[in-house]
PDB file of N, CA and C in Angstrom:
ATOM      1  N   MET A   1      55.329  23.606  61.921  1.00  0.00           N
ATOM      2  CA  MET A   1      56.353  22.851  61.107  1.00  0.00           C
ATOM      3  C   MET A   1      55.189  21.679  60.338  1.00  0.00           C
ATOM      4  N   VAL A   2      55.906  21.217  59.504  1.00  0.00           N
ATOM      5  CA  VAL A   2      55.196  20.127  58.530  1.00  0.00           C
ATOM      6  C   VAL A   2      56.253  18.869  58.492  1.00  0.00           C
ATOM      7  N   HIS A   3      55.484  18.385  58.067  1.00  0.00           N
ATOM      8  CA  HIS A   3      55.889  16.514  57.761  1.00  0.00           C
ATOM      9  C   HIS A   3      55.668  16.317  56.635  1.00  0.00           C
ATOM     10  N   HIS A   4      56.655  16.037  56.089  1.00  0.00           N
ATOM     11  CA  HIS A   4      56.632  15.446  54.333  1.00  0.00           C
ATOM     12  C   HIS A   4      56.961  14.201  54.738  1.00  0.00           C
ATOM     13  N   ILE A   5      56.252  12.820  54.265  1.00  0.00           N
ATOM     14  CA  ILE A   5      56.252  11.561  54.370  1.00  0.00           C
ATOM     15  C   ILE A   5      56.033  10.889  53.195  1.00  0.00           C
ATOM     16  N   VAL A   6      57.255  10.431  52.529  1.00  0.00           N
ATOM     17  CA  VAL A   6      56.895   9.650  51.203  1.00  0.00           C
ATOM     18  C   VAL A   6      57.832   8.260  51.341  1.00  0.00           C
ATOM     19  N   MET A   7      56.579   7.308  50.700  1.00  0.00           N
ATOM     20  CA  MET A   7      57.438   5.542  50.722  1.00  0.00           C
ATOM     21  C   MET A   7      57.444   5.525  49.721  1.00  0.00           C
ATOM     22  N   TRP A   8      58.129   4.381  48.845  1.00  0.00           N
ATOM     23  CA  TRP A   8      58.206   3.777  47.866  1.00  0.00           C
ATOM     24  C   TRP A   8      58.619   2.324  47.616  1.00  0.00           C
ATOM     25  N   LYS A   9      58.274   1.765  46.907  1.00  0.00           N
ATOM     26  CA  LYS A   9      58.457   0.289  46.401  1.00  0.00           C
ATOM     27  C   LYS A   9      59.722   0.567  45.328  1.00  0.00           C
ATOM     28  N   PHE A  10      60.467  -0.372  45.358  1.00  0.00           N
ATOM     29  CA  PHE A  10      61.272  -0.630  44.282  1.00  0.00           C
ATOM     30  C   PHE A  10      60.842  -1.198  42.677  1.00  0.00           C
ATOM     31  N   LYS A  11      61.022  -0.838  41.772  1.00  0.00           N
ATOM     32  CA  LYS A  11      60.247  -1.315  40.610  1.00  0.00           C
ATOM     33  C   LYS A  11      61.150  -2.775  40.535  1.00  0.00           C
ATOM     34  N   PRO A  12      60.361  -3.963  40.036  1.00  0.00           N
ATOM     35  CA  PRO A  12      60.488  -5.018  39.828  1.00  0.00           C
ATOM     36  C   PRO A  12      61.731  -5.451  39.248  1.00  0.00           C
ATOM     37  N   GLU A  13      62.118  -4.650  38.065  1.00  0.00           N
ATOM     38  CA  GLU A  13      63.369  -4.619  37.616  1.00  0.00           C
ATOM     39  C   GLU A  13      64.863  -4.314  38.165  1.00  0.00           C
ATOM     40  N   VAL A  14      64.363  -3.762  39.287  1.00  0.00           N
ATOM     41  CA  VAL A  14      65.814  -3.468  40.033  1.00  0.00           C
ATOM     42  C   VAL A  14      66.518  -4.426  40.651  1.00  0.00           C
ATOM     43  N   PRO A  15      67.623  -5.427  40.350  1.00  0.00           N
ATOM     44  CA  PRO A  15      68.134  -6.338  40.960  1.00  0.00           C
ATOM     45  C   PRO A  15      68.303  -6.292  42.474  1.00  0.00           C
ATOM     46  N   GLU A  16      67.755  -7.166  43.210  1.00  0.00           N
ATOM     47  CA  GLU A  16      68.254  -7.478  44.435  1.00  0.00           C
ATOM     48  C   GLU A  16      69.640  -6.960  44.978  1.00  0.00           C
ATOM     49  N   ALA A  17      70.636  -7.220  44.072  1.00  0.00           N
ATOM     50  CA  ALA A  17      71.851  -6.567  44.740  1.00  0.00           C
ATOM     51  C   ALA A  17      72.125  -5.231  44.502  1.00  0.00           C
ATOM     52  N   GLU A  18      71.280  -4.908  43.522  1.00  0.00           N
ATOM     53  CA  GLU A  18      71.642  -3.257  43.642  1.00  0.00           C
ATOM     54  C   GLU A  18      70.917  -1.837  44.674  1.00  0.00           C
ATOM     55  N   LYS A  19      70.247  -3.035  45.087  1.00  0.00           N
ATOM     56  CA  LYS A  19      69.011  -1.959  46.431  1.00  0.00           C
ATOM     57  C   LYS A  19      69.390  -1.482  47.407  1.00  0.00           C
ATOM     58  N   GLY A  20      70.855  -1.915  47.851  1.00  0.00           N
ATOM     59  CA  GLY A  20      71.483  -1.482  48.831  1.00  0.00           C
ATOM     60  C   GLY A  20      72.336  -0.423  48.307  1.00  0.00           C
ATOM     61  N   ALA A  21      72.744  -0.158  47.258  1.00  0.00           N
ATOM     62  CA  ALA A  21      73.388   0.904  46.512  1.00  0.00           C
ATOM     63  C   ALA A  21      72.700   1.434  46.150  1.00  0.00           C
ATOM     64  N   ARG A  22      71.541   1.621  45.930  1.00  0.00           N
ATOM     65  CA  ARG A  22      70.304   2.911  45.742  1.00  0.00           C
ATOM     66  C   ARG A  22      69.825   3.061  46.757  1.00  0.00           C
ATOM     67  N   LYS A  23      69.661   2.616  47.757  1.00  0.00           N
ATOM     68  CA  LYS A  23      69.012   3.245  48.968  1.00  0.00           C
ATOM     69  C   LYS A  23      70.212   4.158  49.792  1.00  0.00           C
ATOM     70  N   GLU A  24      71.431   3.802  49.559  1.00  0.00           N
ATOM     71  CA  GLU A  24      72.852   4.530  49.641  1.00  0.00           C
ATOM     72  C   GLU A  24      72.549   6.005  49.122  1.00  0.00           C
ATOM     73  N   ALA A  25      72.538   5.626  47.888  1.00  0.00           N
ATOM     74  CA  ALA A  25      72.625   7.370  46.805  1.00  0.00           C
ATOM     75  C   ALA A  25      71.541   8.014  47.211  1.00  0.00           C
ATOM     76  N   MET A  26      70.242   7.339  47.482  1.00  0.00           N
ATOM     77  CA  MET A  26      68.879   7.974  47.423  1.00  0.00           C
ATOM     78  C   MET A  26      69.544   8.732  48.794  1.00  0.00           C
ATOM     79  N   GLU A  27      69.298   7.918  50.007  1.00  0.00           N
ATOM     80  CA  GLU A  27      69.879   8.691  51.220  1.00  0.00           C
ATOM     81  C   GLU A  27      70.896   9.651  51.440  1.00  0.00           C
ATOM     82  N   GLN A  28      71.719   9.886  50.761  1.00  0.00           N
ATOM     83  CA  GLN A  28      73.080  10.743  50.720  1.00  0.00           C
ATOM     84  C   GLN A  28      72.517  11.796  50.142  1.00  0.00           C
ATOM     85  N   ASN A  29      72.211  11.677  48.953  1.00  0.00           N
ATOM     86  CA  ASN A  29      71.690  12.845  47.854  1.00  0.00           C
ATOM     87  C   ASN A  29      70.417  13.722  48.188  1.00  0.00           C
ATOM     88  N   LEU A  30      69.161  12.770  48.997  1.00  0.00           N
ATOM     89  CA  LEU A  30      68.261  13.635  49.517  1.00  0.00           C
ATOM     90  C   LEU A  30      68.771  14.390  50.763  1.00  0.00           C
ATOM     91  N   LYS A  31      69.350  13.814  51.771  1.00  0.00           N
ATOM     92  CA  LYS A  31      69.934  14.272  52.923  1.00  0.00           C
ATOM     93  C   LYS A  31      71.056  15.741  52.811  1.00  0.00           C
ATOM     94  N   ALA A  32      71.426  15.943  51.343  1.00  0.00           N
ATOM     95  CA  ALA A  32      72.116  17.008  51.038  1.00  0.00           C
ATOM     96  C   ALA A  32      71.389  18.306  50.606  1.00  0.00           C
ATOM     97  N   LEU A  33      70.225  17.762  50.735  1.00  0.00           N
ATOM     98  CA  LEU A  33      69.558  19.187  49.880  1.00  0.00           C
ATOM     99  C   LEU A  33      68.942  20.165  51.386  1.00  0.00           C
ATOM    100  N   VAL A  34      69.206  19.256  52.658  1.00  0.00           N
ATOM    101  CA  VAL A  34      68.938  20.654  53.319  1.00  0.00           C
ATOM    102  C   VAL A  34      70.050  21.576  53.420  1.00  0.00           C
ATOM    103  N   GLY A  35      69.824  22.965  53.868  1.00  0.00           N
ATOM    104  CA  GLY A  35      70.140  23.973  53.270  1.00  0.00           C
ATOM    105  C   GLY A  35      70.184  24.329  51.775  1.00  0.00           C
ATOM    106  N   LYS A  36      70.028  23.925  50.729  1.00  0.00           N
ATOM    107  CA  LYS A  36      69.924  23.946  49.526  1.00  0.00           C
ATOM    108  C   LYS A  36      67.984  24.655  49.071  1.00  0.00           C
ATOM    109  N   VAL A  37      67.233  23.632  49.933  1.00  0.00           N
ATOM    110  CA  VAL A  37      66.041  24.262  49.749  1.00  0.00           C
ATOM    111  C   VAL A  37      65.469  24.679  50.807  1.00  0.00           C
ATOM    112  N   PRO A  38      64.866  26.062  50.184  1.00  0.00           N
ATOM    113  CA  PRO A  38      64.533  27.065  51.621  1.00  0.00           C
ATOM    114  C   PRO A  38      63.148  26.450  51.965  1.00  0.00           C
ATOM    115  N   GLY A  39      63.052  26.257  53.829  1.00  0.00           N
ATOM    116  CA  GLY A  39      62.125  25.484  54.531  1.00  0.00           C
ATOM    117  C   GLY A  39      62.505  24.325  54.906  1.00  0.00           C
ATOM    118  N   LEU A  40      63.368  23.333  54.029  1.00  0.00           N
ATOM    119  CA  LEU A  40      63.670  22.218  54.504  1.00  0.00           C
ATOM    120  C   LEU A  40      64.846  22.075  55.900  1.00  0.00           C
ATOM    121  N   ARG A  41      64.058  21.938  56.926  1.00  0.00           N
ATOM    122  CA  ARG A  41      65.066  21.660  58.136  1.00  0.00           C
ATOM    123  C   ARG A  41      65.441  20.267  58.227  1.00  0.00           C
ATOM    124  N   THR A  42      64.751  19.366  58.188  1.00  0.00           N
ATOM    125  CA  THR A  42      65.428  18.020  58.327  1.00  0.00           C
ATOM    126  C   THR A  42      64.939  16.908  57.063  1.00  0.00           C
ATOM    127  N   VAL A  43      65.975  15.994  57.057  1.00  0.00           N
ATOM    128  CA  VAL A  43      65.726  14.814  56.059  1.00  0.00           C
ATOM    129  C   VAL A  43      66.020  13.474  57.121  1.00  0.00           C
ATOM    130  N   ARG A  44      65.308  12.843  57.176  1.00  0.00           N
ATOM    131  CA  ARG A  44      65.478  11.512  57.588  1.00  0.00           C
ATOM    132  C   ARG A  44      64.997  10.022  56.163  1.00  0.00           C
ATOM    133  N   PHE A  45      65.954   9.263  56.142  1.00  0.00           N
ATOM    134  CA  PHE A  45      65.486   8.337  55.184  1.00  0.00           C
ATOM    135  C   PHE A  45      65.632   7.034  55.751  1.00  0.00           C
ATOM    136  N   VAL A  46      64.826   6.123  55.894  1.00  0.00           N
ATOM    137  CA  VAL A  46      64.618   5.095  56.117  1.00  0.00           C
ATOM    138  C   VAL A  46      64.884   3.732  55.061  1.00  0.00           C
ATOM    139  N   LYS A  47      65.799   2.884  55.303  1.00  0.00           N
ATOM    140  CA  LYS A  47      66.535   2.036  54.603  1.00  0.00           C
ATOM    141  C   LYS A  47      65.991   0.453  54.752  1.00  0.00           C
ATOM    142  N   SER A  48      65.740   0.462  55.926  1.00  0.00           N
ATOM    143  CA  SER A  48      65.570  -0.701  56.546  1.00  0.00           C
ATOM    144  C   SER A  48      64.765  -0.962  57.298  1.00  0.00           C
ATOM    145  N   PRO A  49      63.369  -1.019  56.691  1.00  0.00           N
ATOM    146  CA  PRO A  49      62.006  -0.773  57.204  1.00  0.00           C
ATOM    147  C   PRO A  49      61.642  -2.562  57.934  1.00  0.00           C
ATOM    148  N   LEU A  50      61.018  -2.625  58.772  1.00  0.00           N
ATOM    149  CA  LEU A  50      60.563  -4.158  59.417  1.00  0.00           C
ATOM    150  C   LEU A  50      59.767  -4.780  58.240  1.00  0.00           C
ATOM    151  N   SER A  51      59.792  -6.031  58.537  1.00  0.00           N
ATOM    152  CA  SER A  51      59.547  -6.824  57.593  1.00  0.00           C
ATOM    153  C   SER A  51      57.855  -6.794  57.149  1.00  0.00           C
ATOM    154  N   SER A  52      57.550  -6.177  58.327  1.00  0.00           N
ATOM    155  CA  SER A  52      56.051  -6.083  58.206  1.00  0.00           C
ATOM    156  C   SER A  52      55.466  -4.625  57.670  1.00  0.00           C
ATOM    157  N   SER A  53      56.591  -4.044  57.027  1.00  0.00           N
ATOM    158  CA  SER A  53      55.815  -3.088  56.229  1.00  0.00           C
ATOM    159  C   SER A  53      55.815  -3.355  54.651  1.00  0.00           C
ATOM    160  N   THR A  54      54.788  -2.340  53.997  1.00  0.00           N
ATOM    161  CA  THR A  54      54.642  -2.161  52.791  1.00  0.00           C
ATOM    162  C   THR A  54      55.598  -1.732  51.910  1.00  0.00           C
ATOM    163  N   HIS A  55      56.209  -0.956  52.202  1.00  0.00           N
ATOM    164  CA  HIS A  55      57.204  -0.091  51.252  1.00  0.00           C
ATOM    165  C   HIS A  55      58.482  -0.585  51.693  1.00  0.00           C
ATOM    166  N   ASP A  56      59.453  -0.532  50.487  1.00  0.00           N
ATOM    167  CA  ASP A  56      60.992  -0.672  50.607  1.00  0.00           C
ATOM    168  C   ASP A  56      61.859   0.155  51.665  1.00  0.00           C
ATOM    169  N   MET A  57      61.241   1.643  51.364  1.00  0.00           N
ATOM    170  CA  MET A  57      61.942   2.779  51.881  1.00  0.00           C
ATOM    171  C   MET A  57      61.261   3.902  51.800  1.00  0.00           C
ATOM    172  N   ALA A  58      61.600   5.064  52.764  1.00  0.00           N
ATOM    173  CA  ALA A  58      60.822   6.232  53.230  1.00  0.00           C
ATOM    174  C   ALA A  58      61.355   7.147  53.174  1.00  0.00           C
ATOM    175  N   LEU A  59      61.095   8.505  53.067  1.00  0.00           N
ATOM    176  CA  LEU A  59      61.859  10.019  53.248  1.00  0.00           C
ATOM    177  C   LEU A  59      60.677  10.488  54.262  1.00  0.00           C
ATOM    178  N   VAL A  60      61.237  10.805  55.343  1.00  0.00           N
ATOM    179  CA  VAL A  60      60.387  11.687  56.403  1.00  0.00           C
ATOM    180  C   VAL A  60      61.229  13.214  56.507  1.00  0.00           C
ATOM    181  N   THR A  61      60.727  14.234  56.099  1.00  0.00           N
ATOM    182  CA  THR A  61      61.140  15.520  56.084  1.00  0.00           C
ATOM    183  C   THR A  61      60.507  16.150  57.447  1.00  0.00           C
ATOM    184  N   THR A  62      61.018  17.311  57.695  1.00  0.00           N
ATOM    185  CA  THR A  62      60.598  18.219  58.420  1.00  0.00           C
ATOM    186  C   THR A  62      60.472  19.865  57.543  1.00  0.00           C
ATOM    187  N   LEU A  63      59.652  20.547  57.347  1.00  0.00           N
ATOM    188  CA  LEU A  63      59.887  21.494  56.616  1.00  0.00           C
ATOM    189  C   LEU A  63      59.129  22.810  57.773  1.00  0.00           C
ATOM    190  N   GLU A  64      58.988  24.033  57.262  1.00  0.00           N
ATOM    191  CA  GLU A  64      59.031  24.912  58.229  1.00  0.00           C
ATOM    192  C   GLU A  64      56.973  25.541  58.127  1.00  0.00           C
ATOM    193  N   LYS A  65      56.784  25.587  56.987  1.00  0.00           N
ATOM    194  CA  LYS A  65      55.352  25.956  57.015  1.00  0.00           C
ATOM    195  C   LYS A  65      55.031  25.198  55.536  1.00  0.00           C
ATOM    196  N   PRO A  66      53.651  25.007  55.562  1.00  0.00           N
ATOM    197  CA  PRO A  66      52.811  24.180  54.566  1.00  0.00           C
ATOM    198  C   PRO A  66      53.214  24.647  53.111  1.00  0.00           C
ATOM    199  N   GLU A  67      53.570  25.821  53.125  1.00  0.00           N
ATOM    200  CA  GLU A  67      53.871  26.582  51.784  1.00  0.00           C
ATOM    201  C   GLU A  67      54.769  25.814  51.224  1.00  0.00           C
ATOM    202  N   ASP A  68      56.144  24.981  51.818  1.00  0.00           N
ATOM    203  CA  ASP A  68      57.358  25.081  51.723  1.00  0.00           C
ATOM    204  C   ASP A  68      57.446  23.487  50.868  1.00  0.00           C
ATOM    205  N   VAL A  69      56.315  22.907  51.369  1.00  0.00           N
ATOM    206  CA  VAL A  69      55.996  21.631  50.650  1.00  0.00           C
ATOM    207  C   VAL A  69      56.380  21.469  49.038  1.00  0.00           C
ATOM    208  N   ALA A  70      55.555  22.926  48.552  1.00  0.00           N
ATOM    209  CA  ALA A  70      55.209  23.119  46.954  1.00  0.00           C
ATOM    210  C   ALA A  70      56.542  23.547  46.495  1.00  0.00           C
ATOM    211  N   VAL A  71      57.114  24.256  47.724  1.00  0.00           N
ATOM    212  CA  VAL A  71      58.540  24.817  47.393  1.00  0.00           C
ATOM    213  C   VAL A  71      59.576  23.653  47.087  1.00  0.00           C
ATOM    214  N   TYR A  72      59.612  22.991  48.218  1.00  0.00           N
ATOM    215  CA  TYR A  72      60.382  21.635  47.985  1.00  0.00           C
ATOM    216  C   TYR A  72      60.333  20.798  46.562  1.00  0.00           C
ATOM    217  N   ALA A  73      58.935  20.553  46.377  1.00  0.00           N
ATOM    218  CA  ALA A  73      58.741  19.602  45.266  1.00  0.00           C
ATOM    219  C   ALA A  73      59.215  20.329  44.032  1.00  0.00           C
ATOM    220  N   SER A  74      59.132  21.385  43.708  1.00  0.00           N
ATOM    221  CA  SER A  74      59.556  22.047  42.771  1.00  0.00           C
ATOM    222  C   SER A  74      60.663  22.661  42.463  1.00  0.00           C
ATOM    223  N   HIS A  75      61.546  22.585  43.718  1.00  0.00           N
ATOM    224  CA  HIS A  75      62.680  23.536  43.399  1.00  0.00           C
ATOM    225  C   HIS A  75      64.148  22.549  42.464  1.00  0.00           C
ATOM    226  N   PRO A  76      64.779  23.302  42.080  1.00  0.00           N
ATOM    227  CA  PRO A  76      65.615  22.606  41.221  1.00  0.00           C
ATOM    228  C   PRO A  76      66.547  21.551  41.508  1.00  0.00           C
ATOM    229  N   GLU A  77      66.949  21.474  42.782  1.00  0.00           N
ATOM    230  CA  GLU A  77      67.982  20.788  43.028  1.00  0.00           C
ATOM    231  C   GLU A  77      67.577  19.449  43.898  1.00  0.00           C
ATOM    232  N   HIS A  78      66.076  19.776  44.123  1.00  0.00           N
ATOM    233  CA  HIS A  78      65.247  18.338  44.396  1.00  0.00           C
ATOM    234  C   HIS A  78      64.979  17.403  43.421  1.00  0.00           C
ATOM    235  N   VAL A  79      64.530  18.423  42.478  1.00  0.00           N
ATOM    236  CA  VAL A  79      63.763  17.647  41.104  1.00  0.00           C
ATOM    237  C   VAL A  79      65.136  16.760  40.417  1.00  0.00           C
ATOM    238  N   LYS A  80      66.516  17.555  40.500  1.00  0.00           N
ATOM    239  CA  LYS A  80      67.656  16.807  40.281  1.00  0.00           C
ATOM    240  C   LYS A  80      67.966  15.233  40.566  1.00  0.00           C
ATOM    241  N   VAL A  81      68.009  15.507  42.130  1.00  0.00           N
ATOM    242  CA  VAL A  81      67.750  14.777  42.947  1.00  0.00           C
ATOM    243  C   VAL A  81      66.962  13.599  42.682  1.00  0.00           C
ATOM    244  N   ALA A  82      65.836  13.650  42.455  1.00  0.00           N
ATOM    245  CA  ALA A  82      64.348  13.016  42.246  1.00  0.00           C
ATOM    246  C   ALA A  82      64.812  12.254  40.936  1.00  0.00           C
ATOM    247  N   ASP A  83      65.181  12.915  40.113  1.00  0.00           N
ATOM    248  CA  ASP A  83      65.176  12.152  38.814  1.00  0.00           C
ATOM    249  C   ASP A  83      66.328  11.686  38.536  1.00  0.00           C
ATOM    250  N   THR A  84      67.082  11.713  39.164  1.00  0.00           N
ATOM    251  CA  THR A  84      68.409  11.277  38.945  1.00  0.00           C
ATOM    252  C   THR A  84      68.562   9.867  40.184  1.00  0.00           C
ATOM    253  N   TYR A  85      68.222   9.716  41.117  1.00  0.00           N
ATOM    254  CA  TYR A  85      68.311   8.892  42.337  1.00  0.00           C
ATOM    255  C   TYR A  85      67.252   8.223  42.880  1.00  0.00           C
ATOM    256  N   VAL A  86      66.211   8.612  42.565  1.00  0.00           N
ATOM    257  CA  VAL A  86      64.522   8.175  42.969  1.00  0.00           C
ATOM    258  C   VAL A  86      64.030   7.725  41.804  1.00  0.00           C
ATOM    259  N   ARG A  87      63.155   8.427  40.981  1.00  0.00           N
ATOM    260  CA  ARG A  87      62.204   7.966  40.116  1.00  0.00           C
ATOM    261  C   ARG A  87      62.683   7.289  39.342  1.00  0.00           C
ATOM    262  N   PRO A  88      63.829   6.736  38.645  1.00  0.00           N
ATOM    263  CA  PRO A  88      64.093   5.565  37.863  1.00  0.00           C
ATOM    264  C   PRO A  88      64.032   4.505  38.452  1.00  0.00           C
ATOM    265  N   TYR A  89      63.955   4.154  39.856  1.00  0.00           N
ATOM    266  CA  TYR A  89      64.229   2.814  40.701  1.00  0.00           C
ATOM    267  C   TYR A  89      62.768   2.943  41.373  1.00  0.00           C
ATOM    268  N   VAL A  90      61.959   3.337  41.418  1.00  0.00           N
ATOM    269  CA  VAL A  90      60.800   3.112  42.705  1.00  0.00           C
ATOM    270  C   VAL A  90      59.416   3.323  41.858  1.00  0.00           C
ATOM    271  N   THR A  91      58.396   2.549  42.332  1.00  0.00           N
ATOM    272  CA  THR A  91      57.209   2.666  41.945  1.00  0.00           C
ATOM    273  C   THR A  91      56.150   2.991  43.026  1.00  0.00           C
ATOM    274  N   GLU A  92      55.019   2.941  42.724  1.00  0.00           N
ATOM    275  CA  GLU A  92      54.079   2.903  44.301  1.00  0.00           C
ATOM    276  C   GLU A  92      54.659   3.847  45.240  1.00  0.00           C
ATOM    277  N   ARG A  93      54.595   5.266  44.530  1.00  0.00           N
ATOM    278  CA  ARG A  93      54.833   6.520  45.811  1.00  0.00           C
ATOM    279  C   ARG A  93      53.422   6.349  46.341  1.00  0.00           C
ATOM    280  N   ALA A  94      53.529   6.597  47.959  1.00  0.00           N
ATOM    281  CA  ALA A  94      52.809   7.407  48.806  1.00  0.00           C
ATOM    282  C   ALA A  94      53.019   8.036  49.505  1.00  0.00           C
ATOM    283  N   CYS A  95      52.158   9.122  49.717  1.00  0.00           N
ATOM    284  CA  CYS A  95      52.758  10.477  50.336  1.00  0.00           C
ATOM    285  C   CYS A  95      51.877  11.077  51.900  1.00  0.00           C
ATOM    286  N   LEU A  96      52.268  11.758  52.542  1.00  0.00           N
ATOM    287  CA  LEU A  96      51.304  12.239  53.752  1.00  0.00           C
ATOM    288  C   LEU A  96      52.461  13.386  54.329  1.00  0.00           C
ATOM    289  N   ASP A  97      51.525  14.542  54.342  1.00  0.00           N
ATOM    290  CA  ASP A  97      52.005  15.503  54.509  1.00  0.00           C
ATOM    291  C   ASP A  97      50.870  16.110  55.465  1.00  0.00           C
ATOM    292  N   TYR A  98      51.368  16.924  57.339  1.00  0.00           N
ATOM    293  CA  TYR A  98      50.823  17.058  57.967  1.00  0.00           C
ATOM    294  C   TYR A  98      51.342  17.943  58.515  1.00  0.00           C
ATOM    295  N   LYS A  99      50.497  18.854  59.690  1.00  0.00           N
ATOM    296  CA  LYS A  99      50.983  19.953  59.901  1.00  0.00           C
ATOM    297  C   LYS A  99      51.075  19.749  61.622  1.00  0.00           C
ATOM    298  N   GLU A 100      51.871  20.197  62.449  1.00  0.00           N
ATOM    299  CA  GLU A 100      51.979  19.734  63.770  1.00  0.00           C
ATOM    300  C   GLU A 100      52.240  21.014  64.174  1.00  0.00           C
TER     301      GLU A 100
END
């Protein structure tokens, strides 16, 4: 089993009033990738981090094997979600992948 964790901060130009709706859209669309992307088993989206956090949100996914991380990253459905609901609004991406 492989875990793929990604954290982001919102771009400074994203209005505070929009952040909740942006997180909801990210969560729904990223979770919808389960069953569409081979090897992707689970998706959790952290939209309410503690105030001690350094990022605004996080994605925690579980994949079957290490090679599935690359499959996920380049899969057309993931690219579409990332390009539409995530990348236009975020900056300072941090990523950690590990095998368990």
